[in-house]
Amino acid sequence: LILPMLYIADKEGRKTYLEATPAGKPLYEKWGFRVVDVLEFNLDELTTDQHGLYKVSIMIREPNQKK
């Protein structure tokens, strides 16, 4: 679903933004996204069944000028 939206963003010259889980981050990097910030959550404070630090990457992608 994201690739058609990236095509439209490129066509219109728009930046794109997303928040990536650790599992999704490598895929988004392959599509040209770069990390601009990281949100960290202490799972010990939020849940009883998961522990440790969880990081969400805030990512931006510049429009691709190649046609």
N, C-alpha and C. Protein backbone atom coordinates (compact mmCIF):
# COMPACT_ATOMS: atom_id res chain seq x y z
N LEU A 1 0.79 -1.20 0.00
CA LEU A 1 0.00 0.00 0.00
C LEU A 1 0.84 1.27 0.00
N ILE A 2 2.02 1.20 0.59
CA ILE A 2 2.81 2.43 0.72
C ILE A 2 3.47 2.84 -0.61
N LEU A 3 3.83 1.89 -1.44
CA LEU A 3 4.54 2.24 -2.68
C LEU A 3 3.73 3.13 -3.61
N PRO A 4 2.43 2.89 -3.82
CA PRO A 4 1.66 3.83 -4.64
C PRO A 4 1.61 5.24 -4.04
N MET A 5 1.57 5.32 -2.71
CA MET A 5 1.56 6.63 -2.05
C MET A 5 2.90 7.34 -2.22
N LEU A 6 4.00 6.58 -2.17
CA LEU A 6 5.32 7.19 -2.40
C LEU A 6 5.44 7.69 -3.83
N TYR A 7 4.87 6.97 -4.76
CA TYR A 7 4.87 7.41 -6.16
C TYR A 7 4.15 8.76 -6.29
N ILE A 8 2.99 8.88 -5.64
CA ILE A 8 2.24 10.14 -5.68
C ILE A 8 3.04 11.25 -5.01
N ALA A 9 3.63 10.97 -3.86
CA ALA A 9 4.43 11.98 -3.16
C ALA A 9 5.59 12.44 -4.04
N ASP A 10 6.26 11.50 -4.70
CA ASP A 10 7.36 11.85 -5.60
C ASP A 10 6.87 12.73 -6.74
N LYS A 11 5.77 12.34 -7.33
CA LYS A 11 5.20 13.08 -8.47
C LYS A 11 4.85 14.52 -8.08
N GLU A 12 4.37 14.70 -6.84
CA GLU A 12 3.98 16.03 -6.37
C GLU A 12 5.12 16.76 -5.63
N GLY A 13 6.28 16.10 -5.51
CA GLY A 13 7.42 16.73 -4.84
C GLY A 13 7.24 16.91 -3.34
N ARG A 14 6.55 15.96 -2.70
CA ARG A 14 6.26 16.07 -1.27
C ARG A 14 7.13 15.15 -0.42
N LYS A 15 7.52 15.64 0.75
CA LYS A 15 8.19 14.79 1.74
C LYS A 15 7.16 13.85 2.34
N THR A 16 7.62 12.70 2.81
CA THR A 16 6.74 11.77 3.51
C THR A 16 7.30 11.49 4.90
N TYR A 17 6.42 11.18 5.82
CA TYR A 17 6.75 11.00 7.23
C TYR A 17 6.12 9.70 7.71
N LEU A 18 6.82 9.00 8.59
CA LEU A 18 6.22 7.85 9.25
C LEU A 18 6.90 7.57 10.57
N GLU A 19 6.27 6.74 11.36
CA GLU A 19 6.83 6.26 12.61
C GLU A 19 7.02 4.76 12.45
N ALA A 20 8.27 4.32 12.54
CA ALA A 20 8.60 2.92 12.24
C ALA A 20 8.93 2.12 13.50
N THR A 21 8.40 0.91 13.54
CA THR A 21 8.79 -0.04 14.58
C THR A 21 10.19 -0.55 14.27
N PRO A 22 10.85 -1.16 15.25
CA PRO A 22 12.18 -1.72 14.96
C PRO A 22 12.14 -2.73 13.80
N ALA A 23 11.08 -3.49 13.68
CA ALA A 23 10.98 -4.49 12.60
C ALA A 23 10.81 -3.82 11.24
N GLY A 24 10.09 -2.71 11.17
CA GLY A 24 9.83 -2.05 9.90
C GLY A 24 10.93 -1.11 9.43
N LYS A 25 11.75 -0.62 10.36
CA LYS A 25 12.76 0.38 10.05
C LYS A 25 13.67 -0.01 8.88
N PRO A 26 14.23 -1.21 8.82
CA PRO A 26 15.12 -1.56 7.69
C PRO A 26 14.42 -1.49 6.33
N LEU A 27 13.17 -1.88 6.27
CA LEU A 27 12.43 -1.81 5.02
C LEU A 27 12.25 -0.36 4.57
N TYR A 28 11.87 0.49 5.50
CA TYR A 28 11.67 1.91 5.15
C TYR A 28 12.98 2.57 4.73
N GLU A 29 14.07 2.16 5.33
CA GLU A 29 15.37 2.70 4.92
C GLU A 29 15.68 2.33 3.47
N LYS A 30 15.30 1.13 3.06
CA LYS A 30 15.50 0.72 1.66
C LYS A 30 14.69 1.58 0.70
N TRP A 31 13.57 2.13 1.17
CA TRP A 31 12.72 2.97 0.34
C TRP A 31 13.10 4.45 0.42
N GLY A 32 14.22 4.75 1.10
CA GLY A 32 14.74 6.11 1.13
C GLY A 32 14.41 6.93 2.36
N PHE A 33 13.76 6.34 3.35
CA PHE A 33 13.48 7.07 4.58
C PHE A 33 14.74 7.15 5.43
N ARG A 34 14.86 8.24 6.20
CA ARG A 34 15.98 8.38 7.13
C ARG A 34 15.43 8.76 8.49
N VAL A 35 16.11 8.31 9.53
CA VAL A 35 15.68 8.59 10.90
C VAL A 35 16.00 10.04 11.25
N VAL A 36 15.01 10.76 11.78
CA VAL A 36 15.23 12.13 12.23
C VAL A 36 15.05 12.26 13.75
N ASP A 37 14.45 11.26 14.38
CA ASP A 37 14.28 11.26 15.82
C ASP A 37 13.89 9.85 16.26
N VAL A 38 14.03 9.59 17.55
CA VAL A 38 13.65 8.29 18.11
C VAL A 38 12.86 8.53 19.39
N LEU A 39 11.73 7.87 19.49
CA LEU A 39 10.94 7.89 20.73
C LEU A 39 11.23 6.61 21.49
N GLU A 40 11.50 6.74 22.77
CA GLU A 40 11.81 5.57 23.59
C GLU A 40 10.73 5.40 24.65
N PHE A 41 10.29 4.15 24.80
CA PHE A 41 9.26 3.82 25.78
C PHE A 41 9.79 2.73 26.71
N ASN A 42 9.64 2.94 28.00
CA ASN A 42 10.01 1.92 28.98
C ASN A 42 8.82 0.99 29.14
N LEU A 43 8.92 -0.20 28.58
CA LEU A 43 7.81 -1.14 28.61
C LEU A 43 7.48 -1.61 30.02
N ASP A 44 8.45 -1.57 30.93
CA ASP A 44 8.19 -1.97 32.31
C ASP A 44 7.15 -1.05 32.95
N GLU A 45 7.10 0.21 32.51
CA GLU A 45 6.14 1.16 33.06
C GLU A 45 4.78 1.09 32.37
N LEU A 46 4.74 0.48 31.18
CA LEU A 46 3.51 0.49 30.39
C LEU A 46 2.77 -0.84 30.35
N THR A 47 3.48 -1.94 30.52
CA THR A 47 2.85 -3.26 30.42
C THR A 47 3.36 -4.17 31.52
N THR A 48 2.69 -5.29 31.67
CA THR A 48 3.15 -6.30 32.63
C THR A 48 3.76 -7.51 31.94
N ASP A 49 3.54 -7.63 30.62
CA ASP A 49 4.02 -8.81 29.91
C ASP A 49 5.22 -8.55 29.02
N GLN A 50 5.63 -7.30 28.87
CA GLN A 50 6.82 -6.98 28.07
C GLN A 50 7.74 -6.09 28.89
N HIS A 51 9.05 -6.24 28.65
CA HIS A 51 10.02 -5.53 29.46
C HIS A 51 11.10 -4.90 28.59
N GLY A 52 11.74 -3.89 29.13
CA GLY A 52 12.85 -3.26 28.45
C GLY A 52 12.45 -1.97 27.74
N LEU A 53 13.37 -1.50 26.93
CA LEU A 53 13.20 -0.26 26.20
C LEU A 53 12.72 -0.56 24.78
N TYR A 54 11.69 0.14 24.33
CA TYR A 54 11.15 -0.02 22.97
C TYR A 54 11.35 1.30 22.24
N LYS A 55 11.94 1.24 21.06
CA LYS A 55 12.25 2.44 20.30
C LYS A 55 11.42 2.51 19.02
N VAL A 56 10.82 3.67 18.79
CA VAL A 56 10.08 3.94 17.57
C VAL A 56 10.85 5.01 16.81
N SER A 57 11.18 4.74 15.56
CA SER A 57 11.95 5.69 14.75
C SER A 57 11.01 6.63 14.00
N ILE A 58 11.26 7.93 14.13
CA ILE A 58 10.54 8.94 13.36
C ILE A 58 11.36 9.13 12.08
N MET A 59 10.72 8.91 10.92
CA MET A 59 11.47 8.89 9.66
C MET A 59 10.85 9.84 8.63
N ILE A 60 11.72 10.41 7.82
CA ILE A 60 11.33 11.33 6.74
C ILE A 60 11.92 10.81 5.44
N ARG A 61 11.20 11.01 4.36
CA ARG A 61 11.70 10.66 3.03
C ARG A 61 11.52 11.87 2.11
N GLU A 62 12.61 12.30 1.53
CA GLU A 62 12.57 13.40 0.55
C GLU A 62 11.98 12.86 -0.74
N PRO A 63 11.32 13.71 -1.51
CA PRO A 63 10.78 13.23 -2.79
C PRO A 63 11.89 12.78 -3.73
N ASN A 64 11.65 11.69 -4.41
CA ASN A 64 12.60 11.15 -5.38
C ASN A 64 12.41 11.91 -6.69
N GLN A 65 13.45 12.55 -7.17
CA GLN A 65 13.34 13.36 -8.36
C GLN A 65 13.51 12.56 -9.64
N LYS A 66 13.90 11.28 -9.52
CA LYS A 66 14.04 10.44 -10.70
C LYS A 66 12.67 10.08 -11.24
N LYS A 67 12.51 10.12 -12.52
CA LYS A 67 11.22 9.77 -13.14
C LYS A 67 11.31 8.44 -13.84
